[in-house]
Amino acid sequence: MKRLLFLFFLLSIAVCIGAQANDLEEASASPELITSVDKTSEESKTIEPEPTLYDRFVAGILKSRSVKVEKQKGERYRKPYWFECGKRVLEDEREERAGEWATAVLDAVDSAKEEFGVKINPWGVLATVHKEGGFDMCALDKDSRIFGWHVGAVKKYKMSYSKKEIRKIIVKIQKVSKRWRFDAGPLQVRRSAKKTLQNLDDILSLNPGVHKGVHEMANRAIQFPKARQRPWKLWPTTDPSSEKSRKYDKHIRGIARFLGARIDEI
């Protein structure tokens, strides 16, 4: 009888110990489960990094170098349309070329700040490049292109010419008028024919072409302090308070927004 009671006692103790072990095992497993859920939750909440200014510039340039085309059933899409120096920028070259333009603009803005102490809004510069040169380093103003066509310097009127064709146009211009001034290069800075011929390769280039244009913008900002915050206002006139300057500034800000600038960035 005593032996039977003793065995029952031992069996009771074993059951209690087993129950406690199960409780401990469940308790130790719970934190792991919670931790796993928390990690999954944290991963699901991971926020993608904001695109860099360079990436946004590239996207804006690619968008700008296209035109809206209407398809059947009223659907619309953007068709790539980009010419530089008289040649089409090919589809597989567009992104790389847009990156080169974005780099040139950002570098030129940094260079102007270092050399002139003038911090120019990069979106304003990008929008000015869009408006003036259309991301064509060989850009030439409309009047000069029409003139070159009429006097036979080029066979037909086009939006974009090669450097060789532009040189022919300038030579013809010089023969007609020594005072003729025109816009050339990425930011269409107004120049005289004689000086343009001497530095044509530099002017009609990405670098130093963009740098020359941005440096000219910084230089004008110093000469006319009223336009220091928005020196592109001085592109159409030297009076930043004029109606022409105000309209131009409004237009540039609209282009910057189209290219991707937030309202607080321009």
C-alpha atoms as a PDB file:
ATOM      1  CA  MET A   1       0.000   0.000   0.000  1.00  0.00           C
ATOM      2  CA  LYS A   2       2.796   2.395   0.931  1.00  0.00           C
ATOM      3  CA  ARG A   3       4.654   1.511  -2.268  1.00  0.00           C
ATOM      4  CA  LEU A   4       1.505   2.252  -4.298  1.00  0.00           C
ATOM      5  CA  LEU A   5       1.073   5.660  -2.666  1.00  0.00           C
ATOM      6  CA  PHE A   6       4.757   6.437  -3.264  1.00  0.00           C
ATOM      7  CA  LEU A   7       4.437   5.614  -6.988  1.00  0.00           C
ATOM      8  CA  PHE A   8       1.339   7.792  -7.257  1.00  0.00           C
ATOM      9  CA  PHE A   9       3.263  10.642  -5.617  1.00  0.00           C
ATOM     10  CA  LEU A  10       6.129  10.324  -8.089  1.00  0.00           C
ATOM     11  CA  LEU A  11       3.706  10.240 -11.008  1.00  0.00           C
ATOM     12  CA  SER A  12       2.026  13.465  -9.810  1.00  0.00           C
ATOM     13  CA  ILE A  13       5.375  15.242  -9.580  1.00  0.00           C
ATOM     14  CA  ALA A  14       6.304  14.146 -13.127  1.00  0.00           C
ATOM     15  CA  VAL A  15       3.026  15.505 -14.532  1.00  0.00           C
ATOM     16  CA  CYS A  16       3.559  18.891 -12.847  1.00  0.00           C
ATOM     17  CA  ILE A  17       7.136  19.159 -14.100  1.00  0.00           C
ATOM     18  CA  GLY A  18       6.004  18.315 -17.672  1.00  0.00           C
ATOM     19  CA  ALA A  19       3.282  20.980 -17.582  1.00  0.00           C
ATOM     20  CA  GLN A  20       5.749  23.600 -16.343  1.00  0.00           C
ATOM     21  CA  ALA A  21       8.173  22.633 -19.134  1.00  0.00           C
ATOM     22  CA  ASN A  22       5.447  23.086 -21.756  1.00  0.00           C
ATOM     23  CA  ASP A  23       4.589  26.521 -20.340  1.00  0.00           C
ATOM     24  CA  LEU A  24       8.240  27.573 -20.478  1.00  0.00           C
ATOM     25  CA  GLU A  25       8.589  26.271 -24.023  1.00  0.00           C
ATOM     26  CA  GLU A  26       5.511  28.222 -25.176  1.00  0.00           C
ATOM     27  CA  ALA A  27       6.690  31.336 -23.351  1.00  0.00           C
ATOM     28  CA  SER A  28      10.124  31.136 -24.960  1.00  0.00           C
ATOM     29  CA  ALA A  29       8.582  30.622 -28.404  1.00  0.00           C
ATOM     30  CA  SER A  30       6.283  33.652 -28.195  1.00  0.00           C
ATOM     31  CA  PRO A  31       9.004  36.354 -28.322  1.00  0.00           C
ATOM     32  CA  GLU A  32      10.487  34.699 -31.420  1.00  0.00           C
ATOM     33  CA  LEU A  33       7.102  34.707 -33.074  1.00  0.00           C
ATOM     34  CA  ILE A  34       6.507  38.351 -32.187  1.00  0.00           C
ATOM     35  CA  THR A  35       9.986  39.300 -33.327  1.00  0.00           C
ATOM     36  CA  SER A  36       9.396  37.580 -36.649  1.00  0.00           C
ATOM     37  CA  VAL A  37       6.137  39.411 -37.160  1.00  0.00           C
ATOM     38  CA  ASP A  38       7.727  42.715 -36.191  1.00  0.00           C
ATOM     39  CA  LYS A  39      10.554  42.213 -38.691  1.00  0.00           C
ATOM     40  CA  THR A  40       8.096  41.413 -41.431  1.00  0.00           C
ATOM     41  CA  SER A  41       6.070  44.469 -40.503  1.00  0.00           C
ATOM     42  CA  GLU A  42       9.170  46.664 -40.559  1.00  0.00           C
ATOM     43  CA  GLU A  43      10.196  45.335 -43.962  1.00  0.00           C
ATOM     44  CA  SER A  44       6.740  45.995 -45.355  1.00  0.00           C
ATOM     45  CA  LYS A  45       6.989  49.590 -44.147  1.00  0.00           C
ATOM     46  CA  THR A  46      10.347  50.214 -45.899  1.00  0.00           C
ATOM     47  CA  ILE A  47      10.154  53.509 -47.816  1.00  0.00           C
ATOM     48  CA  GLU A  48      11.875  53.835 -51.164  1.00  0.00           C
ATOM     49  CA  PRO A  49      14.566  56.546 -51.176  1.00  0.00           C
ATOM     50  CA  GLU A  50      13.563  59.812 -52.841  1.00  0.00           C
ATOM     51  CA  PRO A  51      14.993  60.201 -56.370  1.00  0.00           C
ATOM     52  CA  THR A  52      18.087  62.384 -56.556  1.00  0.00           C
ATOM     53  CA  LEU A  53      18.028  65.730 -58.350  1.00  0.00           C
ATOM     54  CA  TYR A  54      20.068  64.111 -61.106  1.00  0.00           C
ATOM     55  CA  ASP A  55      17.468  61.345 -61.576  1.00  0.00           C
ATOM     56  CA  ARG A  56      14.647  63.874 -61.641  1.00  0.00           C
ATOM     57  CA  PHE A  57      16.493  65.970 -64.198  1.00  0.00           C
ATOM     58  CA  VAL A  58      16.987  62.925 -66.430  1.00  0.00           C
ATOM     59  CA  ALA A  59      13.277  62.077 -66.207  1.00  0.00           C
ATOM     60  CA  GLY A  60      12.328  65.677 -66.999  1.00  0.00           C
ATOM     61  CA  ILE A  61      14.672  65.891 -69.987  1.00  0.00           C
ATOM     62  CA  LEU A  62      13.377  62.637 -71.455  1.00  0.00           C
ATOM     63  CA  LYS A  63       9.814  63.835 -70.992  1.00  0.00           C
ATOM     64  CA  SER A  64      10.577  67.136 -72.693  1.00  0.00           C
ATOM     65  CA  ARG A  65      12.230  65.453 -75.666  1.00  0.00           C
ATOM     66  CA  SER A  66       8.960  63.906 -76.814  1.00  0.00           C
ATOM     67  CA  VAL A  67       5.711  65.038 -78.340  1.00  0.00           C
ATOM     68  CA  LYS A  68       2.130  64.053 -77.648  1.00  0.00           C
ATOM     69  CA  VAL A  69       0.664  61.837 -80.344  1.00  0.00           C
ATOM     70  CA  GLU A  70      -2.997  60.911 -80.628  1.00  0.00           C
ATOM     71  CA  LYS A  71      -3.698  57.290 -81.482  1.00  0.00           C
ATOM     72  CA  GLN A  72      -6.923  55.627 -82.471  1.00  0.00           C
ATOM     73  CA  LYS A  73      -9.858  55.712 -80.044  1.00  0.00           C
ATOM     74  CA  GLY A  74      -8.588  58.980 -78.576  1.00  0.00           C
ATOM     75  CA  GLU A  75      -5.653  57.434 -76.705  1.00  0.00           C
ATOM     76  CA  ARG A  76      -2.551  59.601 -76.412  1.00  0.00           C
ATOM     77  CA  TYR A  77       1.085  58.853 -75.737  1.00  0.00           C
ATOM     78  CA  ARG A  78       4.441  60.642 -75.944  1.00  0.00           C
ATOM     79  CA  LYS A  79       6.594  59.904 -78.979  1.00  0.00           C
ATOM     80  CA  PRO A  80      10.381  60.467 -78.631  1.00  0.00           C
ATOM     81  CA  TYR A  81      11.526  63.512 -80.600  1.00  0.00           C
ATOM     82  CA  TRP A  82      15.076  64.760 -80.037  1.00  0.00           C
ATOM     83  CA  PHE A  83      17.547  66.277 -82.490  1.00  0.00           C
ATOM     84  CA  GLU A  84      21.057  67.508 -81.765  1.00  0.00           C
ATOM     85  CA  CYS A  85      23.425  69.094 -84.284  1.00  0.00           C
ATOM     86  CA  GLY A  86      21.169  68.081 -87.159  1.00  0.00           C
ATOM     87  CA  LYS A  87      20.864  64.416 -86.181  1.00  0.00           C
ATOM     88  CA  ARG A  88      18.207  62.471 -84.300  1.00  0.00           C
ATOM     89  CA  VAL A  89      19.197  61.153 -80.888  1.00  0.00           C
ATOM     90  CA  LEU A  90      18.544  57.420 -81.214  1.00  0.00           C
ATOM     91  CA  GLU A  91      16.179  55.574 -78.868  1.00  0.00           C
ATOM     92  CA  ASP A  92      18.921  53.567 -77.150  1.00  0.00           C
ATOM     93  CA  GLU A  93      21.022  56.727 -76.641  1.00  0.00           C
ATOM     94  CA  ARG A  94      18.349  58.938 -75.114  1.00  0.00           C
ATOM     95  CA  GLU A  95      18.777  58.052 -71.436  1.00  0.00           C
ATOM     96  CA  GLU A  96      22.564  58.297 -71.521  1.00  0.00           C
ATOM     97  CA  ARG A  97      22.402  61.623 -73.330  1.00  0.00           C
ATOM     98  CA  ALA A  98      19.830  62.957 -70.869  1.00  0.00           C
ATOM     99  CA  GLY A  99      22.219  61.977 -68.067  1.00  0.00           C
ATOM    100  CA  GLU A 100      25.027  63.931 -69.736  1.00  0.00           C
ATOM    101  CA  TRP A 101      22.823  67.019 -69.962  1.00  0.00           C
ATOM    102  CA  ALA A 102      21.724  66.675 -66.335  1.00  0.00           C
ATOM    103  CA  THR A 103      25.341  66.377 -65.195  1.00  0.00           C
ATOM    104  CA  ALA A 104      26.399  69.375 -67.273  1.00  0.00           C
ATOM    105  CA  VAL A 105      23.681  71.596 -65.773  1.00  0.00           C
ATOM    106  CA  LEU A 106      24.350  70.554 -62.173  1.00  0.00           C
ATOM    107  CA  ASP A 107      28.123  70.932 -62.602  1.00  0.00           C
ATOM    108  CA  ALA A 108      27.691  74.360 -64.198  1.00  0.00           C
ATOM    109  CA  VAL A 109      25.506  75.547 -61.292  1.00  0.00           C
ATOM    110  CA  ASP A 110      28.157  74.391 -58.796  1.00  0.00           C
ATOM    111  CA  SER A 111      30.901  76.019 -60.859  1.00  0.00           C
ATOM    112  CA  ALA A 112      29.049  79.353 -60.997  1.00  0.00           C
ATOM    113  CA  LYS A 113      28.587  79.326 -57.222  1.00  0.00           C
ATOM    114  CA  GLU A 114      32.278  78.636 -56.673  1.00  0.00           C
ATOM    115  CA  GLU A 115      33.551  81.205 -59.181  1.00  0.00           C
ATOM    116  CA  PHE A 116      30.988  84.007 -58.794  1.00  0.00           C
ATOM    117  CA  GLY A 117      29.501  83.315 -55.365  1.00  0.00           C
ATOM    118  CA  VAL A 118      26.054  83.205 -56.955  1.00  0.00           C
ATOM    119  CA  LYS A 119      23.738  80.301 -56.160  1.00  0.00           C
ATOM    120  CA  ILE A 120      21.465  79.837 -59.166  1.00  0.00           C
ATOM    121  CA  ASN A 121      18.336  77.717 -58.904  1.00  0.00           C
ATOM    122  CA  PRO A 122      19.160  74.535 -60.889  1.00  0.00           C
ATOM    123  CA  TRP A 123      15.528  74.067 -61.972  1.00  0.00           C
ATOM    124  CA  GLY A 124      15.586  77.587 -63.413  1.00  0.00           C
ATOM    125  CA  VAL A 125      18.704  76.750 -65.401  1.00  0.00           C
ATOM    126  CA  LEU A 126      17.239  73.463 -66.664  1.00  0.00           C
ATOM    127  CA  ALA A 127      14.041  75.228 -67.733  1.00  0.00           C
ATOM    128  CA  THR A 128      16.043  77.937 -69.512  1.00  0.00           C
ATOM    129  CA  VAL A 129      18.021  75.285 -71.397  1.00  0.00           C
ATOM    130  CA  HIS A 130      14.717  73.683 -72.408  1.00  0.00           C
ATOM    131  CA  LYS A 131      13.219  76.975 -73.571  1.00  0.00           C
ATOM    132  CA  GLU A 132      16.260  78.407 -75.331  1.00  0.00           C
ATOM    133  CA  GLY A 133      18.228  75.521 -76.801  1.00  0.00           C
ATOM    134  CA  GLY A 134      15.814  72.609 -76.532  1.00  0.00           C
ATOM    135  CA  PHE A 135      18.656  70.375 -75.253  1.00  0.00           C
ATOM    136  CA  ASP A 136      20.481  70.834 -78.562  1.00  0.00           C
ATOM    137  CA  MET A 137      24.041  72.038 -78.008  1.00  0.00           C
ATOM    138  CA  CYS A 138      24.116  73.261 -81.629  1.00  0.00           C
ATOM    139  CA  ALA A 139      21.012  75.417 -81.232  1.00  0.00           C
ATOM    140  CA  LEU A 140      20.820  78.602 -83.315  1.00  0.00           C
ATOM    141  CA  ASP A 141      18.182  81.335 -83.169  1.00  0.00           C
ATOM    142  CA  LYS A 142      15.301  81.294 -85.645  1.00  0.00           C
ATOM    143  CA  ASP A 143      16.165  84.521 -87.516  1.00  0.00           C
ATOM    144  CA  SER A 144      19.691  83.300 -88.245  1.00  0.00           C
ATOM    145  CA  ARG A 145      18.425  79.923 -89.446  1.00  0.00           C
ATOM    146  CA  ILE A 146      15.926  81.580 -91.773  1.00  0.00           C
ATOM    147  CA  PHE A 147      18.615  83.966 -93.039  1.00  0.00           C
ATOM    148  CA  GLY A 148      21.049  81.115 -93.718  1.00  0.00           C
ATOM    149  CA  TRP A 149      18.402  79.312 -95.746  1.00  0.00           C
ATOM    150  CA  HIS A 150      17.489  82.393 -97.814  1.00  0.00           C
ATOM    151  CA  VAL A 151      21.083  83.230 -98.739  1.00  0.00           C
ATOM    152  CA  GLY A 152      21.913  79.642 -99.657  1.00  0.00           C
ATOM    153  CA  ALA A 153      24.230  78.802 -96.763  1.00  0.00           C
ATOM    154  CA  VAL A 154      22.062  75.718 -96.166  1.00  0.00           C
ATOM    155  CA  LYS A 155      19.777  73.827 -98.550  1.00  0.00           C
ATOM    156  CA  LYS A 156      16.639  73.980 -96.416  1.00  0.00           C
ATOM    157  CA  TYR A 157      15.250  75.495 -93.257  1.00  0.00           C
ATOM    158  CA  LYS A 158      15.479  73.161 -90.235  1.00  0.00           C
ATOM    159  CA  MET A 159      15.214  73.352 -86.479  1.00  0.00           C
ATOM    160  CA  SER A 160      18.660  71.819 -85.959  1.00  0.00           C
ATOM    161  CA  TYR A 161      21.883  72.151 -87.961  1.00  0.00           C
ATOM    162  CA  SER A 162      25.338  70.613 -87.694  1.00  0.00           C
ATOM    163  CA  LYS A 163      28.315  72.684 -86.541  1.00  0.00           C
ATOM    164  CA  LYS A 164      29.592  72.747 -90.120  1.00  0.00           C
ATOM    165  CA  GLU A 165      26.280  74.155 -91.388  1.00  0.00           C
ATOM    166  CA  ILE A 166      26.172  76.762 -88.625  1.00  0.00           C
ATOM    167  CA  ARG A 167      29.672  77.927 -89.521  1.00  0.00           C
ATOM    168  CA  LYS A 168      28.510  78.438 -93.117  1.00  0.00           C
ATOM    169  CA  ILE A 169      25.534  80.478 -91.908  1.00  0.00           C
ATOM    170  CA  ILE A 170      27.743  82.680 -89.729  1.00  0.00           C
ATOM    171  CA  VAL A 171      30.216  83.304 -92.548  1.00  0.00           C
ATOM    172  CA  LYS A 172      27.336  84.441 -94.779  1.00  0.00           C
ATOM    173  CA  ILE A 173      26.011  86.667 -92.005  1.00  0.00           C
ATOM    174  CA  GLN A 174      29.387  88.377 -91.632  1.00  0.00           C
ATOM    175  CA  LYS A 175      29.455  89.214 -95.338  1.00  0.00           C
ATOM    176  CA  VAL A 176      26.061  90.906 -95.075  1.00  0.00           C
ATOM    177  CA  SER A 177      26.372  92.699 -91.746  1.00  0.00           C
ATOM    178  CA  LYS A 178      29.231  93.085 -89.282  1.00  0.00           C
ATOM    179  CA  ARG A 179      26.714  94.178 -86.649  1.00  0.00           C
ATOM    180  CA  TRP A 180      24.530  91.084 -86.867  1.00  0.00           C
ATOM    181  CA  ARG A 181      24.107  89.452 -83.473  1.00  0.00           C
ATOM    182  CA  PHE A 182      22.469  86.120 -82.830  1.00  0.00           C
ATOM    183  CA  ASP A 183      21.866  83.460 -80.187  1.00  0.00           C
ATOM    184  CA  ALA A 184      23.896  80.251 -80.192  1.00  0.00           C
ATOM    185  CA  GLY A 185      24.617  77.302 -77.918  1.00  0.00           C
ATOM    186  CA  PRO A 186      22.711  75.457 -75.169  1.00  0.00           C
ATOM    187  CA  LEU A 187      21.439  78.617 -73.439  1.00  0.00           C
ATOM    188  CA  GLN A 188      21.325  80.819 -76.562  1.00  0.00           C
ATOM    189  CA  VAL A 189      23.587  83.596 -75.299  1.00  0.00           C
ATOM    190  CA  ARG A 190      23.558  86.547 -77.734  1.00  0.00           C
ATOM    191  CA  ARG A 191      26.882  87.026 -79.498  1.00  0.00           C
ATOM    192  CA  SER A 192      28.486  88.830 -82.417  1.00  0.00           C
ATOM    193  CA  ALA A 193      29.337  86.848 -85.543  1.00  0.00           C
ATOM    194  CA  LYS A 194      33.088  87.495 -85.374  1.00  0.00           C
ATOM    195  CA  LYS A 195      33.562  86.308 -81.781  1.00  0.00           C
ATOM    196  CA  THR A 196      31.280  83.322 -82.321  1.00  0.00           C
ATOM    197  CA  LEU A 197      33.392  82.046 -85.223  1.00  0.00           C
ATOM    198  CA  GLN A 198      36.550  82.231 -83.110  1.00  0.00           C
ATOM    199  CA  ASN A 199      35.032  80.095 -80.326  1.00  0.00           C
ATOM    200  CA  LEU A 200      32.410  78.123 -82.206  1.00  0.00           C
ATOM    201  CA  ASP A 201      33.447  74.644 -81.013  1.00  0.00           C
ATOM    202  CA  ASP A 202      33.303  75.722 -77.359  1.00  0.00           C
ATOM    203  CA  ILE A 203      29.996  77.554 -77.749  1.00  0.00           C
ATOM    204  CA  LEU A 204      28.266  74.694 -79.576  1.00  0.00           C
ATOM    205  CA  SER A 205      29.087  72.049 -76.975  1.00  0.00           C
ATOM    206  CA  LEU A 206      27.767  70.499 -73.819  1.00  0.00           C
ATOM    207  CA  ASN A 207      30.924  71.352 -71.933  1.00  0.00           C
ATOM    208  CA  PRO A 208      31.981  74.148 -71.836  1.00  0.00           C
ATOM    209  CA  GLY A 209      28.855  75.311 -73.699  1.00  0.00           C
ATOM    210  CA  VAL A 210      26.482  74.897 -70.734  1.00  0.00           C
ATOM    211  CA  HIS A 211      29.090  76.317 -68.333  1.00  0.00           C
ATOM    212  CA  LYS A 212      29.495  79.414 -70.502  1.00  0.00           C
ATOM    213  CA  GLY A 213      25.753  80.017 -70.495  1.00  0.00           C
ATOM    214  CA  VAL A 214      25.335  79.519 -66.742  1.00  0.00           C
ATOM    215  CA  HIS A 215      28.379  81.660 -65.986  1.00  0.00           C
ATOM    216  CA  GLU A 216      26.868  84.414 -68.109  1.00  0.00           C
ATOM    217  CA  MET A 217      23.684  84.080 -66.047  1.00  0.00           C
ATOM    218  CA  ALA A 218      25.704  84.405 -62.827  1.00  0.00           C
ATOM    219  CA  ASN A 219      27.572  87.413 -64.199  1.00  0.00           C
ATOM    220  CA  ARG A 220      24.309  89.170 -65.041  1.00  0.00           C
ATOM    221  CA  ALA A 221      22.988  88.392 -61.556  1.00  0.00           C
ATOM    222  CA  ILE A 222      25.958  90.317 -60.139  1.00  0.00           C
ATOM    223  CA  GLN A 223      25.454  93.252 -62.509  1.00  0.00           C
ATOM    224  CA  PHE A 224      21.722  93.461 -61.790  1.00  0.00           C
ATOM    225  CA  PRO A 225      21.132  92.579 -58.094  1.00  0.00           C
ATOM    226  CA  LYS A 226      17.340  92.839 -58.480  1.00  0.00           C
ATOM    227  CA  ALA A 227      17.416  89.675 -60.571  1.00  0.00           C
ATOM    228  CA  ARG A 228      19.898  87.806 -58.391  1.00  0.00           C
ATOM    229  CA  GLN A 229      17.342  85.201 -57.267  1.00  0.00           C
ATOM    230  CA  ARG A 230      16.107  84.597 -60.820  1.00  0.00           C
ATOM    231  CA  PRO A 231      18.810  85.749 -63.239  1.00  0.00           C
ATOM    232  CA  TRP A 232      17.092  84.121 -66.231  1.00  0.00           C
ATOM    233  CA  LYS A 233      14.764  87.140 -66.104  1.00  0.00           C
ATOM    234  CA  LEU A 234      17.613  89.018 -67.799  1.00  0.00           C
ATOM    235  CA  TRP A 235      17.606  86.790 -70.880  1.00  0.00           C
ATOM    236  CA  PRO A 236      15.033  88.827 -72.853  1.00  0.00           C
ATOM    237  CA  THR A 237      16.047  92.232 -71.445  1.00  0.00           C
ATOM    238  CA  THR A 238      18.382  93.925 -68.963  1.00  0.00           C
ATOM    239  CA  ASP A 239      15.443  95.351 -67.009  1.00  0.00           C
ATOM    240  CA  PRO A 240      14.254  92.695 -64.514  1.00  0.00           C
ATOM    241  CA  SER A 241      11.269  94.895 -63.595  1.00  0.00           C
ATOM    242  CA  SER A 242       9.906  95.050 -67.135  1.00  0.00           C
ATOM    243  CA  GLU A 243       6.772  93.249 -68.256  1.00  0.00           C
ATOM    244  CA  LYS A 244       8.850  91.212 -70.687  1.00  0.00           C
ATOM    245  CA  SER A 245      11.062  89.938 -67.853  1.00  0.00           C
ATOM    246  CA  ARG A 246       8.088  89.099 -65.656  1.00  0.00           C
ATOM    247  CA  LYS A 247       6.419  87.123 -68.437  1.00  0.00           C
ATOM    248  CA  TYR A 248       9.645  85.300 -69.199  1.00  0.00           C
ATOM    249  CA  ASP A 249      10.112  84.418 -65.523  1.00  0.00           C
ATOM    250  CA  LYS A 250       6.558  83.090 -65.306  1.00  0.00           C
ATOM    251  CA  HIS A 251       7.143  81.006 -68.423  1.00  0.00           C
ATOM    252  CA  ILE A 252      10.401  79.560 -67.063  1.00  0.00           C
ATOM    253  CA  ARG A 253       8.744  78.631 -63.775  1.00  0.00           C
ATOM    254  CA  GLY A 254       5.964  76.895 -65.693  1.00  0.00           C
ATOM    255  CA  ILE A 255       8.504  74.908 -67.707  1.00  0.00           C
ATOM    256  CA  ALA A 256      10.354  73.941 -64.514  1.00  0.00           C
ATOM    257  CA  ARG A 257       7.114  72.556 -63.080  1.00  0.00           C
ATOM    258  CA  PHE A 258       6.532  70.624 -66.320  1.00  0.00           C
ATOM    259  CA  LEU A 259      10.046  69.164 -66.038  1.00  0.00           C
ATOM    260  CA  GLY A 260       9.375  67.951 -62.493  1.00  0.00           C
ATOM    261  CA  ALA A 261      10.105  70.776 -60.047  1.00  0.00           C
ATOM    262  CA  ARG A 262       7.903  71.050 -56.981  1.00  0.00           C
ATOM    263  CA  ILE A 263       6.237  74.396 -56.389  1.00  0.00           C
ATOM    264  CA  ASP A 264       8.574  75.118 -53.460  1.00  0.00           C
ATOM    265  CA  GLU A 265      11.632  74.431 -55.634  1.00  0.00           C
ATOM    266  CA  ILE A 266      11.000  77.194 -58.161  1.00  0.00           C
END
